[in-house]
Amino acid sequence: MKLAFVVLGMGLLVGLSPVAVFAGSYTFVTIDDPLESGVAGSAVTGINDFGHVVGEYTDSSGKEHGYIYANGVFTTVDDPLESDGIGTQLNGINNSGQMVGSFVESNGDWHGFVFDGVNFRSVNDDLGSNVPSVSPYSINDSGQYAGFYHDLDGRVHGFFFDGSSYLTIDNPLGTGSTPSPLDPPGLLGTVALGLNNLGDIVGGYADENNSFHGFIYRNGVYTTIDNPLGEYGTSLFGINDVGQIVGSYVDGSLSKLVGWLT
């Protein structure tokens, strides 16, 4: 079952180290969409500065639906073009209420979209027929967004939309042939997952040895960021405007996925 929660009242950051230490108190608030049913449950994937939360839940038939949780109210968000696929997912929200997400078409391809609260705009249509599957994952306050796509050969690439054009985000070290855990399946090259208002992008890549690493892309330069405790891989999921990064790593036992913040 997916267990979703939001952390309120972050404490004082006392160290900018690969494994950060915080002082202060935390309040964890469970987020369960009342329409979710079954073992999959609800998931939270994005939050803005107003505390508006987006994510997805699974209903009793196994179908996924996006939702926004704002001011104590859950609102289901389903792309109207999705009909007989797995369902709709919402991944990110900015302070203007713009959201990004994706749904699965009947042929199994992911179809990305931007949703302003009223209208859906297709990301796949922007990228063309050479990009069958797209998932925008984060959006900043300028309406720029980042995510990943599959090419016709099934390889995964990151991308960034700067407001007028798309830039492919391919870490030059991301040359591995690791099978992607993402849907639809493919070979995992580079994924872009987090984006801040400065245009900094974080994500992950698989190297020639099929080891997974985190990275930040800033001003045209890729910098690898690996948690020293992540003997079997590091992933970065989000970055804020002061450069703090959240991610996860797999420890030496290969049995534990650990979240962390820089």
Protein backbone atom coordinates (compact mmCIF):
# COMPACT_ATOMS: atom_id res chain seq x y z
CA MET A 1 0.00 0.00 0.00
CA LYS A 2 1.15 3.55 -0.76
CA LEU A 3 1.35 5.58 2.44
CA ALA A 4 1.33 9.33 1.81
CA PHE A 5 2.28 12.03 4.29
CA VAL A 6 3.31 15.67 4.53
CA VAL A 7 5.90 16.98 7.00
CA LEU A 8 4.98 20.27 8.69
CA GLY A 9 7.21 22.54 10.78
CA MET A 10 10.68 21.71 9.50
CA GLY A 11 13.36 22.35 12.10
CA LEU A 12 16.59 24.30 11.89
CA LEU A 13 19.17 22.98 9.45
CA VAL A 14 22.39 22.60 11.42
CA GLY A 15 24.67 21.02 8.86
CA LEU A 16 25.01 21.03 5.08
CA SER A 17 26.50 17.58 4.75
CA PRO A 18 25.67 14.57 2.55
CA VAL A 19 23.57 13.34 5.47
CA ALA A 20 21.98 16.45 6.98
CA VAL A 21 21.06 16.79 10.65
CA PHE A 22 18.03 18.78 11.75
CA ALA A 23 17.00 20.20 15.09
CA GLY A 24 13.39 21.01 15.91
CA SER A 25 10.04 19.31 15.88
CA TYR A 26 8.10 17.72 13.06
CA THR A 27 4.45 17.01 12.51
CA PHE A 28 3.54 14.25 10.06
CA VAL A 29 0.09 14.55 8.50
CA THR A 30 -1.27 11.48 6.71
CA ILE A 31 -2.82 12.21 3.32
CA ASP A 32 -5.36 9.58 2.26
CA ASP A 33 -7.77 10.49 -0.51
CA PRO A 34 -11.21 9.31 0.69
CA LEU A 35 -11.85 7.78 -2.74
CA GLU A 36 -8.82 5.50 -2.59
CA SER A 37 -9.45 1.83 -2.10
CA GLY A 38 -7.48 -1.39 -2.13
CA VAL A 39 -3.84 -2.11 -1.35
CA ALA A 40 -2.25 0.62 -3.50
CA GLY A 41 -3.63 3.55 -1.48
CA SER A 42 -2.58 7.17 -1.96
CA ALA A 43 0.72 8.84 -2.78
CA VAL A 44 1.93 12.45 -2.43
CA THR A 45 4.29 13.61 -5.18
CA GLY A 46 4.36 17.43 -4.97
CA ILE A 47 3.66 20.42 -2.73
CA ASN A 48 3.83 24.20 -3.22
CA ASP A 49 4.50 27.05 -0.79
CA PHE A 50 0.82 27.31 0.11
CA GLY A 51 0.69 23.70 1.27
CA HIS A 52 -1.34 22.53 -1.71
CA VAL A 53 -0.50 18.89 -2.32
CA VAL A 54 -0.77 16.78 -5.48
CA GLY A 55 -0.46 13.05 -5.97
CA GLU A 56 -2.42 10.02 -7.04
CA TYR A 57 -4.69 7.40 -5.53
CA THR A 58 -5.94 4.02 -6.70
CA ASP A 59 -9.64 3.17 -6.68
CA SER A 60 -11.32 -0.19 -6.05
CA SER A 61 -10.95 -1.18 -9.72
CA GLY A 62 -7.19 -0.61 -9.67
CA LYS A 63 -7.34 2.58 -11.71
CA GLU A 64 -5.13 5.55 -10.74
CA HIS A 65 -6.45 9.10 -10.42
CA GLY A 66 -4.62 12.33 -9.83
CA TYR A 67 -5.73 14.61 -7.00
CA ILE A 68 -5.05 18.00 -5.47
CA TYR A 69 -5.48 18.50 -1.73
CA ALA A 70 -5.98 22.16 -0.82
CA ASN A 71 -7.53 23.76 2.25
CA GLY A 72 -8.72 20.40 3.54
CA VAL A 73 -10.48 19.43 0.31
CA PHE A 74 -9.56 16.62 -2.10
CA THR A 75 -10.30 17.23 -5.79
CA THR A 76 -9.83 14.45 -8.34
CA VAL A 77 -7.92 15.42 -11.50
CA ASP A 78 -8.26 13.05 -14.47
CA ASP A 79 -7.05 13.98 -17.93
CA PRO A 80 -10.15 13.69 -20.17
CA LEU A 81 -8.09 12.03 -22.90
CA GLU A 82 -7.38 9.05 -20.64
CA SER A 83 -9.98 6.34 -21.06
CA ASP A 84 -8.93 2.71 -20.82
CA GLY A 85 -5.37 2.93 -19.50
CA ILE A 86 -3.91 2.69 -16.01
CA GLY A 87 -5.06 6.18 -15.08
CA THR A 88 -3.82 9.71 -14.34
CA GLN A 89 -0.94 10.80 -12.13
CA LEU A 90 -0.10 14.30 -10.88
CA ASN A 91 3.60 14.86 -10.17
CA GLY A 92 4.20 18.53 -9.36
CA ILE A 93 2.53 21.88 -8.61
CA ASN A 94 3.86 25.46 -8.56
CA ASN A 95 2.71 28.51 -6.61
CA SER A 96 0.37 29.59 -9.42
CA GLY A 97 -1.46 26.28 -9.20
CA GLN A 98 -0.09 24.91 -12.47
CA MET A 99 0.36 21.16 -12.31
CA VAL A 100 2.23 18.58 -14.36
CA GLY A 101 1.49 14.90 -14.70
CA SER A 102 0.78 12.08 -17.11
CA PHE A 103 -1.64 9.35 -18.02
CA VAL A 104 -1.28 6.00 -19.78
CA GLU A 105 -2.80 5.70 -23.22
CA SER A 106 -4.51 2.50 -24.36
CA ASN A 107 -1.34 1.46 -26.25
CA GLY A 108 0.74 1.66 -23.07
CA ASP A 109 2.52 4.95 -23.84
CA TRP A 110 2.71 7.70 -21.23
CA HIS A 111 1.12 11.00 -22.22
CA GLY A 112 2.37 14.06 -20.35
CA PHE A 113 0.34 17.18 -19.66
CA VAL A 114 0.30 20.59 -18.00
CA PHE A 115 -2.91 21.46 -16.13
CA ASP A 116 -3.76 25.01 -15.02
CA GLY A 117 -6.80 24.05 -12.99
CA VAL A 118 -9.13 24.33 -16.00
CA ASN A 119 -7.37 23.24 -19.18
CA PHE A 120 -5.00 20.38 -20.04
CA ARG A 121 -2.17 20.95 -22.51
CA SER A 122 -0.41 17.98 -24.09
CA VAL A 123 3.36 17.70 -23.70
CA ASN A 124 3.54 14.79 -26.16
CA ASP A 125 2.10 16.98 -28.90
CA ASP A 126 4.90 19.50 -28.28
CA LEU A 127 7.64 16.87 -28.57
CA GLY A 128 6.26 15.07 -31.63
CA SER A 129 5.93 11.47 -32.82
CA ASN A 130 9.57 10.58 -32.10
CA VAL A 131 8.79 10.73 -28.38
CA PRO A 132 6.08 8.14 -27.66
CA SER A 133 6.14 8.40 -23.84
CA VAL A 134 6.59 11.53 -21.71
CA SER A 135 6.29 12.27 -17.99
CA PRO A 136 6.81 15.88 -16.80
CA TYR A 137 7.74 15.64 -13.15
CA SER A 138 8.23 19.13 -11.70
CA ILE A 139 7.22 22.70 -12.57
CA ASN A 140 8.56 26.01 -11.26
CA ASP A 141 6.87 29.38 -10.77
CA SER A 142 7.83 30.53 -14.27
CA GLY A 143 5.91 27.63 -15.80
CA GLN A 144 9.13 25.86 -16.81
CA TYR A 145 9.08 22.12 -16.23
CA ALA A 146 11.36 19.08 -16.26
CA GLY A 147 10.81 15.37 -16.61
CA PHE A 148 11.79 12.39 -18.71
CA TYR A 149 10.77 10.68 -21.92
CA HIS A 150 11.31 7.42 -23.82
CA ASP A 151 12.61 7.56 -27.37
CA LEU A 152 11.60 5.15 -30.14
CA ASP A 153 14.35 2.74 -29.04
CA GLY A 154 12.99 2.67 -25.49
CA ARG A 155 15.84 4.64 -23.90
CA VAL A 156 15.03 7.14 -21.15
CA HIS A 157 16.16 10.77 -21.43
CA GLY A 158 15.61 13.79 -19.22
CA PHE A 159 14.19 17.02 -20.59
CA PHE A 160 13.68 20.66 -19.62
CA PHE A 161 11.12 23.09 -21.07
CA ASP A 162 12.32 26.69 -20.64
CA GLY A 163 9.06 28.33 -21.65
CA SER A 164 9.66 28.31 -25.39
CA SER A 165 11.73 25.25 -26.30
CA TYR A 166 12.71 21.80 -25.06
CA LEU A 167 16.23 20.82 -24.02
CA THR A 168 17.21 17.16 -23.71
CA ILE A 169 18.99 16.45 -20.41
CA ASP A 170 21.42 13.59 -21.03
CA ASN A 171 24.21 13.28 -18.51
CA PRO A 172 27.31 12.34 -20.58
CA LEU A 173 28.10 9.67 -17.97
CA GLY A 174 24.66 8.09 -18.38
CA THR A 175 25.70 5.38 -20.80
CA GLY A 176 24.47 2.31 -18.94
CA SER A 177 22.08 -0.37 -20.09
CA THR A 178 20.16 -0.75 -16.85
CA PRO A 179 16.54 -1.85 -17.38
CA SER A 180 14.38 1.09 -16.33
CA PRO A 181 12.08 0.64 -13.31
CA LEU A 182 9.87 3.31 -14.90
CA ASP A 183 6.71 2.60 -16.87
CA PRO A 184 6.80 1.91 -19.74
CA PRO A 185 10.00 -0.18 -19.52
CA GLY A 186 13.16 0.75 -21.36
CA LEU A 187 16.88 1.36 -20.83
CA LEU A 188 17.62 3.90 -18.14
CA GLY A 189 19.92 6.70 -19.33
CA THR A 190 19.09 9.99 -17.56
CA VAL A 191 15.99 11.17 -15.68
CA ALA A 192 15.27 14.77 -14.66
CA LEU A 193 13.01 14.89 -11.60
CA GLY A 194 13.46 18.14 -9.67
CA LEU A 195 13.52 21.79 -10.78
CA ASN A 196 13.76 25.06 -8.87
CA ASN A 197 13.02 28.68 -9.80
CA LEU A 198 16.67 29.25 -10.78
CA GLY A 199 16.51 26.56 -13.44
CA ASP A 200 18.66 24.06 -11.51
CA ILE A 201 17.70 20.47 -12.33
CA VAL A 202 18.34 17.31 -10.32
CA GLY A 203 17.80 13.68 -11.21
CA GLY A 204 19.74 10.48 -11.79
CA TYR A 205 21.65 8.50 -14.38
CA ALA A 206 22.98 4.98 -14.93
CA ASP A 207 26.72 4.81 -15.72
CA GLU A 208 28.60 2.33 -17.92
CA ASN A 209 28.71 -0.13 -15.01
CA ASN A 210 24.94 0.20 -14.56
CA SER A 211 25.39 1.97 -11.21
CA PHE A 212 22.88 4.73 -10.49
CA HIS A 213 24.01 8.22 -9.48
CA GLY A 214 22.38 11.51 -8.61
CA PHE A 215 23.28 14.70 -10.43
CA ILE A 216 22.59 18.42 -10.57
CA TYR A 217 22.51 20.28 -13.88
CA ARG A 218 23.33 23.96 -13.42
CA ASN A 219 24.35 26.53 -16.03
CA GLY A 220 25.06 23.81 -18.58
CA VAL A 221 27.27 21.75 -16.24
CA TYR A 222 26.51 18.28 -14.86
CA THR A 223 27.78 17.53 -11.35
CA THR A 224 27.43 14.05 -9.84
CA ILE A 225 26.09 13.91 -6.27
CA ASP A 226 26.37 10.55 -4.53
CA ASN A 227 25.45 9.98 -0.92
CA PRO A 228 28.50 8.23 0.62
CA LEU A 229 26.19 5.73 2.32
CA GLY A 230 24.58 4.80 -0.98
CA GLU A 231 26.75 1.86 -1.92
CA TYR A 232 24.19 0.68 -4.47
CA GLY A 233 22.94 3.93 -5.91
CA THR A 234 21.73 7.47 -5.30
CA SER A 235 18.72 9.31 -6.76
CA LEU A 236 17.81 13.00 -6.44
CA PHE A 237 14.16 14.04 -6.57
CA GLY A 238 13.87 17.72 -5.68
CA ILE A 239 15.75 20.99 -5.15
CA ASN A 240 14.65 24.30 -3.63
CA ASP A 241 15.81 27.84 -4.35
CA VAL A 242 18.57 27.80 -1.71
CA GLY A 243 20.06 24.61 -3.17
CA GLN A 244 18.84 22.05 -0.64
CA ILE A 245 18.25 18.69 -2.32
CA VAL A 246 16.15 15.68 -1.36
CA GLY A 247 16.78 12.17 -2.60
CA SER A 248 17.25 8.55 -1.65
CA TYR A 249 19.95 5.90 -1.69
CA VAL A 250 20.24 2.13 -1.38
CA ASP A 251 22.49 1.03 1.47
CA GLY A 252 25.11 -1.71 1.52
CA SER A 253 22.67 -4.39 2.59
CA LEU A 254 20.64 -3.94 -0.62
CA SER A 255 17.63 -4.17 1.66
CA LYS A 256 16.94 -0.56 2.58
CA LEU A 257 15.95 2.51 0.57
CA VAL A 258 16.82 5.59 2.63
CA GLY A 259 15.61 9.16 2.11
CA TRP A 260 18.01 12.07 2.73
CA LEU A 261 18.36 15.82 2.43
CA THR A 262 21.47 17.93 1.80
